[in-house]
PDB file of N, CA and C in Angstrom:
ATOM      1  N   UNK A   1    -169.463  -5.430 -58.357  1.00  0.00           N
ATOM      2  CA  UNK A   1    -168.452  -4.561 -57.782  1.00  0.00           C
ATOM      3  C   UNK A   1    -167.087  -5.044 -58.255  1.00  0.00           C
ATOM      4  N   UNK A   2    -166.335  -4.137 -58.842  1.00  0.00           N
ATOM      5  CA  UNK A   2    -164.980  -4.450 -59.284  1.00  0.00           C
ATOM      6  C   UNK A   2    -164.018  -4.097 -58.150  1.00  0.00           C
ATOM      7  N   UNK A   3    -163.112  -5.018 -57.836  1.00  0.00           N
ATOM      8  CA  UNK A   3    -162.106  -4.815 -56.791  1.00  0.00           C
ATOM      9  C   UNK A   3    -160.732  -5.007 -57.412  1.00  0.00           C
ATOM     10  N   UNK A   4    -159.876  -3.985 -57.316  1.00  0.00           N
ATOM     11  CA  UNK A   4    -158.528  -4.077 -57.886  1.00  0.00           C
ATOM     12  C   UNK A   4    -157.506  -3.466 -56.930  1.00  0.00           C
ATOM     13  N   UNK A   5    -156.266  -3.911 -57.066  1.00  0.00           N
ATOM     14  CA  UNK A   5    -155.211  -3.343 -56.233  1.00  0.00           C
ATOM     15  C   UNK A   5    -154.402  -2.294 -56.984  1.00  0.00           C
ATOM     16  N   UNK A   6    -154.862  -1.904 -58.165  1.00  0.00           N
ATOM     17  CA  UNK A   6    -154.222  -0.826 -58.924  1.00  0.00           C
ATOM     18  C   UNK A   6    -154.984   0.472 -58.666  1.00  0.00           C
ATOM     19  N   UNK A   7    -154.389   1.598 -59.085  1.00  0.00           N
ATOM     20  CA  UNK A   7    -155.062   2.882 -58.878  1.00  0.00           C
ATOM     21  C   UNK A   7    -155.855   3.320 -60.107  1.00  0.00           C
ATOM     22  N   UNK A   8    -156.144   2.375 -60.992  1.00  0.00           N
ATOM     23  CA  UNK A   8    -156.926   2.662 -62.195  1.00  0.00           C
ATOM     24  C   UNK A   8    -157.646   1.380 -62.627  1.00  0.00           C
ATOM     25  N   UNK A   9    -158.609   1.551 -63.517  1.00  0.00           N
ATOM     26  CA  UNK A   9    -159.247   0.426 -64.195  1.00  0.00           C
ATOM     27  C   UNK A   9    -159.163   0.751 -65.673  1.00  0.00           C
ATOM     28  N   UNK A  10    -158.500  -0.084 -66.428  1.00  0.00           N
ATOM     29  CA  UNK A  10    -158.248   0.177 -67.848  1.00  0.00           C
ATOM     30  C   UNK A  10    -159.547   0.503 -68.575  1.00  0.00           C
ATOM     31  N   UNK A  11    -159.515   1.587 -69.341  1.00  0.00           N
ATOM     32  CA  UNK A  11    -160.662   1.976 -70.155  1.00  0.00           C
ATOM     33  C   UNK A  11    -161.761   2.708 -69.411  1.00  0.00           C
ATOM     34  N   UNK A  12    -161.580   2.987 -68.127  1.00  0.00           N
ATOM     35  CA  UNK A  12    -162.611   3.656 -67.328  1.00  0.00           C
ATOM     36  C   UNK A  12    -162.091   4.990 -66.802  1.00  0.00           C
ATOM     37  N   UNK A  13    -162.942   6.003 -66.886  1.00  0.00           N
ATOM     38  CA  UNK A  13    -162.675   7.269 -66.204  1.00  0.00           C
ATOM     39  C   UNK A  13    -163.343   7.167 -64.840  1.00  0.00           C
ATOM     40  N   UNK A  14    -162.609   7.519 -63.814  1.00  0.00           N
ATOM     41  CA  UNK A  14    -163.089   7.296 -62.451  1.00  0.00           C
ATOM     42  C   UNK A  14    -163.313   8.603 -61.712  1.00  0.00           C
ATOM     43  N   UNK A  15    -164.349   8.614 -60.892  1.00  0.00           N
ATOM     44  CA  UNK A  15    -164.606   9.714 -59.972  1.00  0.00           C
ATOM     45  C   UNK A  15    -164.456   9.169 -58.562  1.00  0.00           C
ATOM     46  N   UNK A  16    -163.538   9.743 -57.809  1.00  0.00           N
ATOM     47  CA  UNK A  16    -163.262   9.283 -56.450  1.00  0.00           C
ATOM     48  C   UNK A  16    -164.396   9.671 -55.513  1.00  0.00           C
ATOM     49  N   UNK A  17    -164.830   8.709 -54.712  1.00  0.00           N
ATOM     50  CA  UNK A  17    -165.857   8.972 -53.711  1.00  0.00           C
ATOM     51  C   UNK A  17    -165.244   9.150 -52.329  1.00  0.00           C
ATOM     52  N   UNK A  18    -164.593   8.099 -51.827  1.00  0.00           N
ATOM     53  CA  UNK A  18    -164.053   8.143 -50.470  1.00  0.00           C
ATOM     54  C   UNK A  18    -163.248   6.879 -50.206  1.00  0.00           C
ATOM     55  N   UNK A  19    -162.475   6.923 -49.151  1.00  0.00           N
ATOM     56  CA  UNK A  19    -161.816   5.702 -48.689  1.00  0.00           C
ATOM     57  C   UNK A  19    -162.882   4.815 -48.038  1.00  0.00           C
ATOM     58  N   UNK A  20    -162.759   3.514 -48.248  1.00  0.00           N
ATOM     59  CA  UNK A  20    -163.647   2.542 -47.603  1.00  0.00           C
ATOM     60  C   UNK A  20    -162.783   1.496 -46.940  1.00  0.00           C
ATOM     61  N   UNK A  21    -163.328   0.872 -45.899  1.00  0.00           N
ATOM     62  CA  UNK A  21    -162.548  -0.123 -45.176  1.00  0.00           C
ATOM     63  C   UNK A  21    -163.455  -1.182 -44.580  1.00  0.00           C
ATOM     64  N   UNK A  22    -162.853  -2.277 -44.229  1.00  0.00           N
ATOM     65  CA  UNK A  22    -163.531  -3.339 -43.521  1.00  0.00           C
ATOM     66  C   UNK A  22    -162.512  -4.016 -42.628  1.00  0.00           C
ATOM     67  N   UNK A  23    -162.961  -4.531 -41.502  1.00  0.00           N
ATOM     68  CA  UNK A  23    -162.023  -5.217 -40.614  1.00  0.00           C
ATOM     69  C   UNK A  23    -162.749  -6.270 -39.810  1.00  0.00           C
ATOM     70  N   UNK A  24    -161.973  -7.164 -39.248  1.00  0.00           N
ATOM     71  CA  UNK A  24    -162.489  -8.178 -38.339  1.00  0.00           C
ATOM     72  C   UNK A  24    -161.343  -8.653 -37.457  1.00  0.00           C
ATOM     73  N   UNK A  25    -161.686  -9.139 -36.295  1.00  0.00           N
ATOM     74  CA  UNK A  25    -160.718  -9.774 -35.402  1.00  0.00           C
ATOM     75  C   UNK A  25    -161.185 -11.202 -35.210  1.00  0.00           C
ATOM     76  N   UNK A  26    -160.312 -12.140 -35.481  1.00  0.00           N
ATOM     77  CA  UNK A  26    -160.668 -13.553 -35.436  1.00  0.00           C
ATOM     78  C   UNK A  26    -159.731 -14.293 -34.485  1.00  0.00           C
ATOM     79  N   UNK A  27    -160.248 -15.355 -33.900  1.00  0.00           N
ATOM     80  CA  UNK A  27    -159.440 -16.197 -33.016  1.00  0.00           C
ATOM     81  C   UNK A  27    -159.836 -17.652 -33.237  1.00  0.00           C
ATOM     82  N   UNK A  28    -158.904 -18.538 -32.996  1.00  0.00           N
ATOM     83  CA  UNK A  28    -159.179 -19.973 -33.019  1.00  0.00           C
ATOM     84  C   UNK A  28    -159.465 -20.428 -31.603  1.00  0.00           C
ATOM     85  N   UNK A  29    -160.246 -21.484 -31.482  1.00  0.00           N
ATOM     86  CA  UNK A  29    -160.537 -21.968 -30.136  1.00  0.00           C
ATOM     87  C   UNK A  29    -159.289 -22.615 -29.521  1.00  0.00           C
ATOM     88  N   UNK A  30    -159.300 -22.738 -28.246  1.00  0.00           N
ATOM     89  CA  UNK A  30    -158.133 -23.171 -27.473  1.00  0.00           C
ATOM     90  C   UNK A  30    -157.547 -24.485 -27.975  1.00  0.00           C
ATOM     91  N   UNK A  31    -158.385 -25.445 -28.313  1.00  0.00           N
ATOM     92  CA  UNK A  31    -157.886 -26.747 -28.780  1.00  0.00           C
ATOM     93  C   UNK A  31    -157.022 -26.607 -30.018  1.00  0.00           C
ATOM     94  N   UNK A  32    -157.468 -25.814 -30.977  1.00  0.00           N
ATOM     95  CA  UNK A  32    -156.685 -25.616 -32.201  1.00  0.00           C
ATOM     96  C   UNK A  32    -155.433 -24.808 -31.902  1.00  0.00           C
ATOM     97  N   UNK A  33    -155.527 -23.888 -30.946  1.00  0.00           N
ATOM     98  CA  UNK A  33    -154.373 -23.082 -30.576  1.00  0.00           C
ATOM     99  C   UNK A  33    -153.280 -23.972 -29.973  1.00  0.00           C
ATOM    100  N   UNK A  34    -153.666 -24.926 -29.146  1.00  0.00           N
ATOM    101  CA  UNK A  34    -152.697 -25.862 -28.547  1.00  0.00           C
ATOM    102  C   UNK A  34    -152.058 -26.721 -29.635  1.00  0.00           C
ATOM    103  N   UNK A  35    -152.862 -27.236 -30.553  1.00  0.00           N
ATOM    104  CA  UNK A  35    -152.321 -28.048 -31.647  1.00  0.00           C
ATOM    105  C   UNK A  35    -151.370 -27.239 -32.522  1.00  0.00           C
ATOM    106  N   UNK A  36    -151.709 -25.973 -32.775  1.00  0.00           N
ATOM    107  CA  UNK A  36    -150.813 -25.115 -33.558  1.00  0.00           C
ATOM    108  C   UNK A  36    -149.504 -24.891 -32.816  1.00  0.00           C
ATOM    109  N   UNK A  37    -149.578 -24.736 -31.488  1.00  0.00           N
ATOM    110  CA  UNK A  37    -148.362 -24.584 -30.689  1.00  0.00           C
ATOM    111  C   UNK A  37    -147.466 -25.796 -30.793  1.00  0.00           C
ATOM    112  N   UNK A  38    -148.053 -26.981 -30.778  1.00  0.00           N
ATOM    113  CA  UNK A  38    -147.267 -28.203 -30.952  1.00  0.00           C
ATOM    114  C   UNK A  38    -146.651 -28.276 -32.345  1.00  0.00           C
ATOM    115  N   UNK A  39    -147.384 -27.785 -33.333  1.00  0.00           N
ATOM    116  CA  UNK A  39    -146.896 -27.818 -34.717  1.00  0.00           C
ATOM    117  C   UNK A  39    -145.651 -26.945 -34.874  1.00  0.00           C
ATOM    118  N   UNK A  40    -145.540 -25.887 -34.081  1.00  0.00           N
ATOM    119  CA  UNK A  40    -144.364 -25.025 -34.187  1.00  0.00           C
ATOM    120  C   UNK A  40    -143.102 -25.762 -33.757  1.00  0.00           C
ATOM    121  N   UNK A  41    -143.255 -26.796 -32.988  1.00  0.00           N
ATOM    122  CA  UNK A  41    -142.093 -27.579 -32.543  1.00  0.00           C
ATOM    123  C   UNK A  41    -141.570 -28.453 -33.677  1.00  0.00           C
ATOM    124  N   UNK A  42    -142.471 -29.091 -34.405  1.00  0.00           N
ATOM    125  CA  UNK A  42    -142.065 -30.024 -35.455  1.00  0.00           C
ATOM    126  C   UNK A  42    -142.009 -29.383 -36.835  1.00  0.00           C
ATOM    127  N   UNK A  43    -142.586 -28.198 -36.994  1.00  0.00           N
ATOM    128  CA  UNK A  43    -142.555 -27.498 -38.277  1.00  0.00           C
ATOM    129  C   UNK A  43    -143.746 -27.834 -39.149  1.00  0.00           C
ATOM    130  N   UNK A  44    -143.898 -27.077 -40.203  1.00  0.00           N
ATOM    131  CA  UNK A  44    -144.991 -27.282 -41.142  1.00  0.00           C
ATOM    132  C   UNK A  44    -145.981 -26.137 -41.105  1.00  0.00           C
ATOM    133  N   UNK A  45    -146.917 -26.187 -42.032  1.00  0.00           N
ATOM    134  CA  UNK A  45    -147.924 -25.130 -42.131  1.00  0.00           C
ATOM    135  C   UNK A  45    -148.923 -25.222 -40.991  1.00  0.00           C
ATOM    136  N   UNK A  46    -149.269 -24.099 -40.446  1.00  0.00           N
ATOM    137  CA  UNK A  46    -150.297 -24.015 -39.411  1.00  0.00           C
ATOM    138  C   UNK A  46    -151.634 -23.811 -40.117  1.00  0.00           C
ATOM    139  N   UNK A  47    -152.221 -24.906 -40.574  1.00  0.00           N
ATOM    140  CA  UNK A  47    -153.411 -24.819 -41.420  1.00  0.00           C
ATOM    141  C   UNK A  47    -154.584 -24.152 -40.714  1.00  0.00           C
ATOM    142  N   UNK A  48    -154.743 -24.355 -39.422  1.00  0.00           N
ATOM    143  CA  UNK A  48    -155.874 -23.726 -38.733  1.00  0.00           C
ATOM    144  C   UNK A  48    -155.734 -22.206 -38.753  1.00  0.00           C
ATOM    145  N   UNK A  49    -154.499 -21.698 -38.658  1.00  0.00           N
ATOM    146  CA  UNK A  49    -154.292 -20.256 -38.723  1.00  0.00           C
ATOM    147  C   UNK A  49    -154.428 -19.740 -40.148  1.00  0.00           C
ATOM    148  N   UNK A  50    -153.970 -20.513 -41.116  1.00  0.00           N
ATOM    149  CA  UNK A  50    -154.139 -20.125 -42.517  1.00  0.00           C
ATOM    150  C   UNK A  50    -155.622 -20.016 -42.853  1.00  0.00           C
ATOM    151  N   UNK A  51    -156.405 -20.981 -42.391  1.00  0.00           N
ATOM    152  CA  UNK A  51    -157.855 -20.944 -42.614  1.00  0.00           C
ATOM    153  C   UNK A  51    -158.485 -19.749 -41.906  1.00  0.00           C
ATOM    154  N   UNK A  52    -158.033 -19.471 -40.688  1.00  0.00           N
ATOM    155  CA  UNK A  52    -158.555 -18.342 -39.931  1.00  0.00           C
ATOM    156  C   UNK A  52    -158.297 -17.034 -40.685  1.00  0.00           C
ATOM    157  N   UNK A  53    -157.091 -16.867 -41.224  1.00  0.00           N
ATOM    158  CA  UNK A  53    -156.766 -15.631 -41.935  1.00  0.00           C
ATOM    159  C   UNK A  53    -157.520 -15.531 -43.256  1.00  0.00           C
ATOM    160  N   UNK A  54    -157.700 -16.651 -43.963  1.00  0.00           N
ATOM    161  CA  UNK A  54    -158.502 -16.639 -45.199  1.00  0.00           C
ATOM    162  C   UNK A  54    -159.929 -16.192 -44.898  1.00  0.00           C
ATOM    163  N   UNK A  55    -160.497 -16.748 -43.842  1.00  0.00           N
ATOM    164  CA  UNK A  55    -161.856 -16.388 -43.433  1.00  0.00           C
ATOM    165  C   UNK A  55    -161.923 -14.913 -43.035  1.00  0.00           C
ATOM    166  N   UNK A  56    -160.934 -14.454 -42.306  1.00  0.00           N
ATOM    167  CA  UNK A  56    -160.907 -13.062 -41.861  1.00  0.00           C
ATOM    168  C   UNK A  56    -160.788 -12.114 -43.050  1.00  0.00           C
ATOM    169  N   UNK A  57    -159.954 -12.439 -44.029  1.00  0.00           N
ATOM    170  CA  UNK A  57    -159.828 -11.594 -45.225  1.00  0.00           C
ATOM    171  C   UNK A  57    -161.163 -11.508 -45.963  1.00  0.00           C
ATOM    172  N   UNK A  58    -161.849 -12.643 -46.083  1.00  0.00           N
ATOM    173  CA  UNK A  58    -163.136 -12.663 -46.781  1.00  0.00           C
ATOM    174  C   UNK A  58    -164.169 -11.796 -46.052  1.00  0.00           C
ATOM    175  N   UNK A  59    -164.226 -11.907 -44.737  1.00  0.00           N
ATOM    176  CA  UNK A  59    -165.183 -11.117 -43.957  1.00  0.00           C
ATOM    177  C   UNK A  59    -164.859  -9.631 -44.054  1.00  0.00           C
ATOM    178  N   UNK A  60    -163.590  -9.274 -43.900  1.00  0.00           N
ATOM    179  CA  UNK A  60    -163.188  -7.870 -43.985  1.00  0.00           C
ATOM    180  C   UNK A  60    -163.494  -7.297 -45.370  1.00  0.00           C
ATOM    181  N   UNK A  61    -163.240  -8.083 -46.410  1.00  0.00           N
ATOM    182  CA  UNK A  61    -163.524  -7.628 -47.773  1.00  0.00           C
ATOM    183  C   UNK A  61    -165.019  -7.412 -47.967  1.00  0.00           C
ATOM    184  N   UNK A  62    -165.844  -8.334 -47.473  1.00  0.00           N
ATOM    185  CA  UNK A  62    -167.301  -8.170 -47.572  1.00  0.00           C
ATOM    186  C   UNK A  62    -167.760  -6.881 -46.890  1.00  0.00           C
ATOM    187  N   UNK A  63    -167.180  -6.571 -45.759  1.00  0.00           N
ATOM    188  CA  UNK A  63    -167.550  -5.354 -45.026  1.00  0.00           C
ATOM    189  C   UNK A  63    -167.137  -4.106 -45.801  1.00  0.00           C
ATOM    190  N   UNK A  64    -165.966  -4.146 -46.434  1.00  0.00           N
ATOM    191  CA  UNK A  64    -165.518  -3.016 -47.244  1.00  0.00           C
ATOM    192  C   UNK A  64    -166.448  -2.829 -48.453  1.00  0.00           C
ATOM    193  N   UNK A  65    -166.787  -3.928 -49.118  1.00  0.00           N
ATOM    194  CA  UNK A  65    -167.678  -3.865 -50.284  1.00  0.00           C
ATOM    195  C   UNK A  65    -169.038  -3.301 -49.878  1.00  0.00           C
ATOM    196  N   UNK A  66    -169.554  -3.723 -48.743  1.00  0.00           N
ATOM    197  CA  UNK A  66    -170.847  -3.210 -48.260  1.00  0.00           C
ATOM    198  C   UNK A  66    -170.787  -1.697 -48.089  1.00  0.00           C
ATOM    199  N   UNK A  67    -169.705  -1.214 -47.496  1.00  0.00           N
ATOM    200  CA  UNK A  67    -169.543   0.233 -47.305  1.00  0.00           C
ATOM    201  C   UNK A  67    -169.508   0.947 -48.655  1.00  0.00           C
ATOM    202  N   UNK A  68    -168.791   0.370 -49.622  1.00  0.00           N
ATOM    203  CA  UNK A  68    -168.708   0.969 -50.955  1.00  0.00           C
ATOM    204  C   UNK A  68    -170.070   0.949 -51.654  1.00  0.00           C
ATOM    205  N   UNK A  69    -170.812  -0.144 -51.524  1.00  0.00           N
ATOM    206  CA  UNK A  69    -172.138  -0.237 -52.146  1.00  0.00           C
ATOM    207  C   UNK A  69    -173.094   0.798 -51.570  1.00  0.00           C
ATOM    208  N   UNK A  70    -172.974   1.078 -50.274  1.00  0.00           N
ATOM    209  CA  UNK A  70    -173.824   2.090 -49.641  1.00  0.00           C
ATOM    210  C   UNK A  70    -173.572   3.478 -50.218  1.00  0.00           C
ATOM    211  N   UNK A  71    -172.378   3.698 -50.790  1.00  0.00           N
ATOM    212  CA  UNK A  71    -172.046   4.973 -51.434  1.00  0.00           C
ATOM    213  C   UNK A  71    -172.377   4.958 -52.920  1.00  0.00           C
ATOM    214  N   UNK A  72    -172.927   3.844 -53.391  1.00  0.00           N
ATOM    215  CA  UNK A  72    -173.236   3.659 -54.816  1.00  0.00           C
ATOM    216  C   UNK A  72    -171.970   3.609 -55.666  1.00  0.00           C
ATOM    217  N   UNK A  73    -170.904   3.063 -55.107  1.00  0.00           N
ATOM    218  CA  UNK A  73    -169.644   2.922 -55.849  1.00  0.00           C
ATOM    219  C   UNK A  73    -169.767   1.809 -56.891  1.00  0.00           C
ATOM    220  N   UNK A  74    -169.037   1.959 -57.974  1.00  0.00           N
ATOM    221  CA  UNK A  74    -168.968   0.923 -58.999  1.00  0.00           C
ATOM    222  C   UNK A  74    -167.775  -0.005 -58.778  1.00  0.00           C
ATOM    223  N   UNK A  75    -166.775   0.501 -58.057  1.00  0.00           N
ATOM    224  CA  UNK A  75    -165.546  -0.268 -57.859  1.00  0.00           C
ATOM    225  C   UNK A  75    -164.803   0.250 -56.638  1.00  0.00           C
ATOM    226  N   UNK A  76    -163.865  -0.557 -56.183  1.00  0.00           N
ATOM    227  CA  UNK A  76    -162.905  -0.130 -55.166  1.00  0.00           C
ATOM    228  C   UNK A  76    -161.526  -0.370 -55.751  1.00  0.00           C
ATOM    229  N   UNK A  77    -160.730   0.689 -55.794  1.00  0.00           N
ATOM    230  CA  UNK A  77    -159.386   0.601 -56.367  1.00  0.00           C
ATOM    231  C   UNK A  77    -158.343   0.722 -55.263  1.00  0.00           C
ATOM    232  N   UNK A  78    -157.106   0.376 -55.630  1.00  0.00           N
ATOM    233  CA  UNK A  78    -155.959   0.537 -54.731  1.00  0.00           C
ATOM    234  C   UNK A  78    -156.169  -0.190 -53.391  1.00  0.00           C
ATOM    235  N   UNK A  79    -156.692  -1.414 -53.472  1.00  0.00           N
ATOM    236  CA  UNK A  79    -157.001  -2.190 -52.268  1.00  0.00           C
ATOM    237  C   UNK A  79    -155.716  -2.684 -51.600  1.00  0.00           C
ATOM    238  N   UNK A  80    -155.687  -2.562 -50.281  1.00  0.00           N
ATOM    239  CA  UNK A  80    -154.548  -3.027 -49.486  1.00  0.00           C
ATOM    240  C   UNK A  80    -155.072  -3.783 -48.268  1.00  0.00           C
ATOM    241  N   UNK A  81    -154.306  -4.768 -47.839  1.00  0.00           N
ATOM    242  CA  UNK A  81    -154.630  -5.553 -46.642  1.00  0.00           C
ATOM    243  C   UNK A  81    -153.541  -5.344 -45.602  1.00  0.00           C
ATOM    244  N   UNK A  82    -153.937  -5.337 -44.352  1.00  0.00           N
ATOM    245  CA  UNK A  82    -152.992  -5.279 -43.233  1.00  0.00           C
ATOM    246  C   UNK A  82    -153.459  -6.273 -42.176  1.00  0.00           C
ATOM    247  N   UNK A  83    -152.507  -6.919 -41.542  1.00  0.00           N
ATOM    248  CA  UNK A  83    -152.813  -7.886 -40.490  1.00  0.00           C
ATOM    249  C   UNK A  83    -151.992  -7.535 -39.267  1.00  0.00           C
ATOM    250  N   UNK A  84    -152.616  -7.652 -38.101  1.00  0.00           N
ATOM    251  CA  UNK A  84    -151.868  -7.426 -36.868  1.00  0.00           C
ATOM    252  C   UNK A  84    -152.286  -8.453 -35.831  1.00  0.00           C
ATOM    253  N   UNK A  85    -151.348  -8.785 -34.986  1.00  0.00           N
ATOM    254  CA  UNK A  85    -151.580  -9.729 -33.904  1.00  0.00           C
ATOM    255  C   UNK A  85    -152.210  -8.972 -32.739  1.00  0.00           C
ATOM    256  N   UNK A  86    -153.372  -9.422 -32.300  1.00  0.00           N
ATOM    257  CA  UNK A  86    -154.073  -8.772 -31.193  1.00  0.00           C
ATOM    258  C   UNK A  86    -153.731  -9.460 -29.874  1.00  0.00           C
ATOM    259  N   UNK A  87    -153.751 -10.772 -29.886  1.00  0.00           N
ATOM    260  CA  UNK A  87    -153.436 -11.590 -28.711  1.00  0.00           C
ATOM    261  C   UNK A  87    -152.981 -12.942 -29.238  1.00  0.00           C
ATOM    262  N   UNK A  88    -152.471 -13.795 -28.378  1.00  0.00           N
ATOM    263  CA  UNK A  88    -152.052 -15.113 -28.829  1.00  0.00           C
ATOM    264  C   UNK A  88    -153.253 -15.832 -29.437  1.00  0.00           C
ATOM    265  N   UNK A  89    -153.110 -16.226 -30.690  1.00  0.00           N
ATOM    266  CA  UNK A  89    -154.188 -16.946 -31.362  1.00  0.00           C
ATOM    267  C   UNK A  89    -155.274 -16.070 -31.952  1.00  0.00           C
ATOM    268  N   UNK A  90    -155.111 -14.733 -31.887  1.00  0.00           N
ATOM    269  CA  UNK A  90    -156.107 -13.823 -32.447  1.00  0.00           C
ATOM    270  C   UNK A  90    -155.423 -12.793 -33.334  1.00  0.00           C
ATOM    271  N   UNK A  91    -156.054 -12.494 -34.456  1.00  0.00           N
ATOM    272  CA  UNK A  91    -155.474 -11.540 -35.394  1.00  0.00           C
ATOM    273  C   UNK A  91    -156.557 -10.621 -35.939  1.00  0.00           C
ATOM    274  N   UNK A  92    -156.151  -9.383 -36.222  1.00  0.00           N
ATOM    275  CA  UNK A  92    -157.036  -8.437 -36.896  1.00  0.00           C
ATOM    276  C   UNK A  92    -156.629  -8.379 -38.352  1.00  0.00           C
ATOM    277  N   UNK A  93    -157.613  -8.367 -39.232  1.00  0.00           N
ATOM    278  CA  UNK A  93    -157.369  -8.145 -40.652  1.00  0.00           C
ATOM    279  C   UNK A  93    -158.118  -6.887 -41.036  1.00  0.00           C
ATOM    280  N   UNK A  94    -157.411  -5.959 -41.666  1.00  0.00           N
ATOM    281  CA  UNK A  94    -157.972  -4.706 -42.134  1.00  0.00           C
ATOM    282  C   UNK A  94    -157.775  -4.639 -43.632  1.00  0.00           C
ATOM    283  N   UNK A  95    -158.805  -4.259 -44.355  1.00  0.00           N
ATOM    284  CA  UNK A  95    -158.705  -4.034 -45.789  1.00  0.00           C
ATOM    285  C   UNK A  95    -159.233  -2.635 -46.062  1.00  0.00           C
ATOM    286  N   UNK A  96    -158.570  -1.919 -46.972  1.00  0.00           N
ATOM    287  CA  UNK A  96    -159.026  -0.571 -47.304  1.00  0.00           C
ATOM    288  C   UNK A  96    -158.708  -0.267 -48.755  1.00  0.00           C
ATOM    289  N   UNK A  97    -159.454   0.657 -49.301  1.00  0.00           N
ATOM    290  CA  UNK A  97    -159.257   1.064 -50.681  1.00  0.00           C
ATOM    291  C   UNK A  97    -160.039   2.337 -50.942  1.00  0.00           C
ATOM    292  N   UNK A  98    -160.082   2.737 -52.210  1.00  0.00           N
ATOM    293  CA  UNK A  98    -160.777   3.950 -52.613  1.00  0.00           C
ATOM    294  C   UNK A  98    -162.010   3.585 -53.418  1.00  0.00           C
ATOM    295  N   UNK A  99    -163.177   3.996 -52.936  1.00  0.00           N
ATOM    296  CA  UNK A  99    -164.428   3.773 -53.656  1.00  0.00           C
ATOM    297  C   UNK A  99    -164.523   4.773 -54.802  1.00  0.00           C
ATOM    298  N   UNK A 100    -164.902   4.282 -55.975  1.00  0.00           N
ATOM    299  CA  UNK A 100    -165.003   5.143 -57.159  1.00  0.00           C
ATOM    300  C   UNK A 100    -166.283   4.826 -57.929  1.00  0.00           C
ATOM    301  N   UNK A 101    -166.698   5.809 -58.720  1.00  0.00           N
ATOM    302  CA  UNK A 101    -167.787   5.610 -59.674  1.00  0.00           C
ATOM    303  C   UNK A 101    -167.222   5.803 -61.073  1.00  0.00           C
ATOM    304  N   UNK A 102    -167.825   5.122 -62.031  1.00  0.00           N
ATOM    305  CA  UNK A 102    -167.425   5.292 -63.424  1.00  0.00           C
ATOM    306  C   UNK A 102    -168.073   6.541 -63.985  1.00  0.00           C
ATOM    307  N   UNK A 103    -167.277   7.330 -64.713  1.00  0.00           N
ATOM    308  CA  UNK A 103    -167.813   8.504 -65.397  1.00  0.00           C
ATOM    309  C   UNK A 103    -168.088   8.128 -66.842  1.00  0.00           C
ATOM    310  N   UNK A 104    -169.118   8.743 -67.398  1.00  0.00           N
ATOM    311  CA  UNK A 104    -169.458   8.444 -68.806  1.00  0.00           C
ATOM    312  C   UNK A 104    -168.484   9.066 -69.767  1.00  0.00           C
TER     313      UNK A 104
END
């Protein structure tokens, strides 16, 4: 499966199938949330949250790819990510794009 953030794939004629998406809501456990809160006082990267968002992006992308594969898509183009805060220490990651097939 080819995944790109452009609206084309060089050298390929594309047939649009449908929009596809994947999402997940992730949270860190309370202990890490408290440590991250302390880190905001002294500064620096909140590594537990960075890891949480990396994991969430990967899961959301896998879900989008699964949806595209079920349509027999060859690629997903014009991929975009969105993140929103759901609650303290929890975030939603949404990924969406256009499933396409290659034309001969």
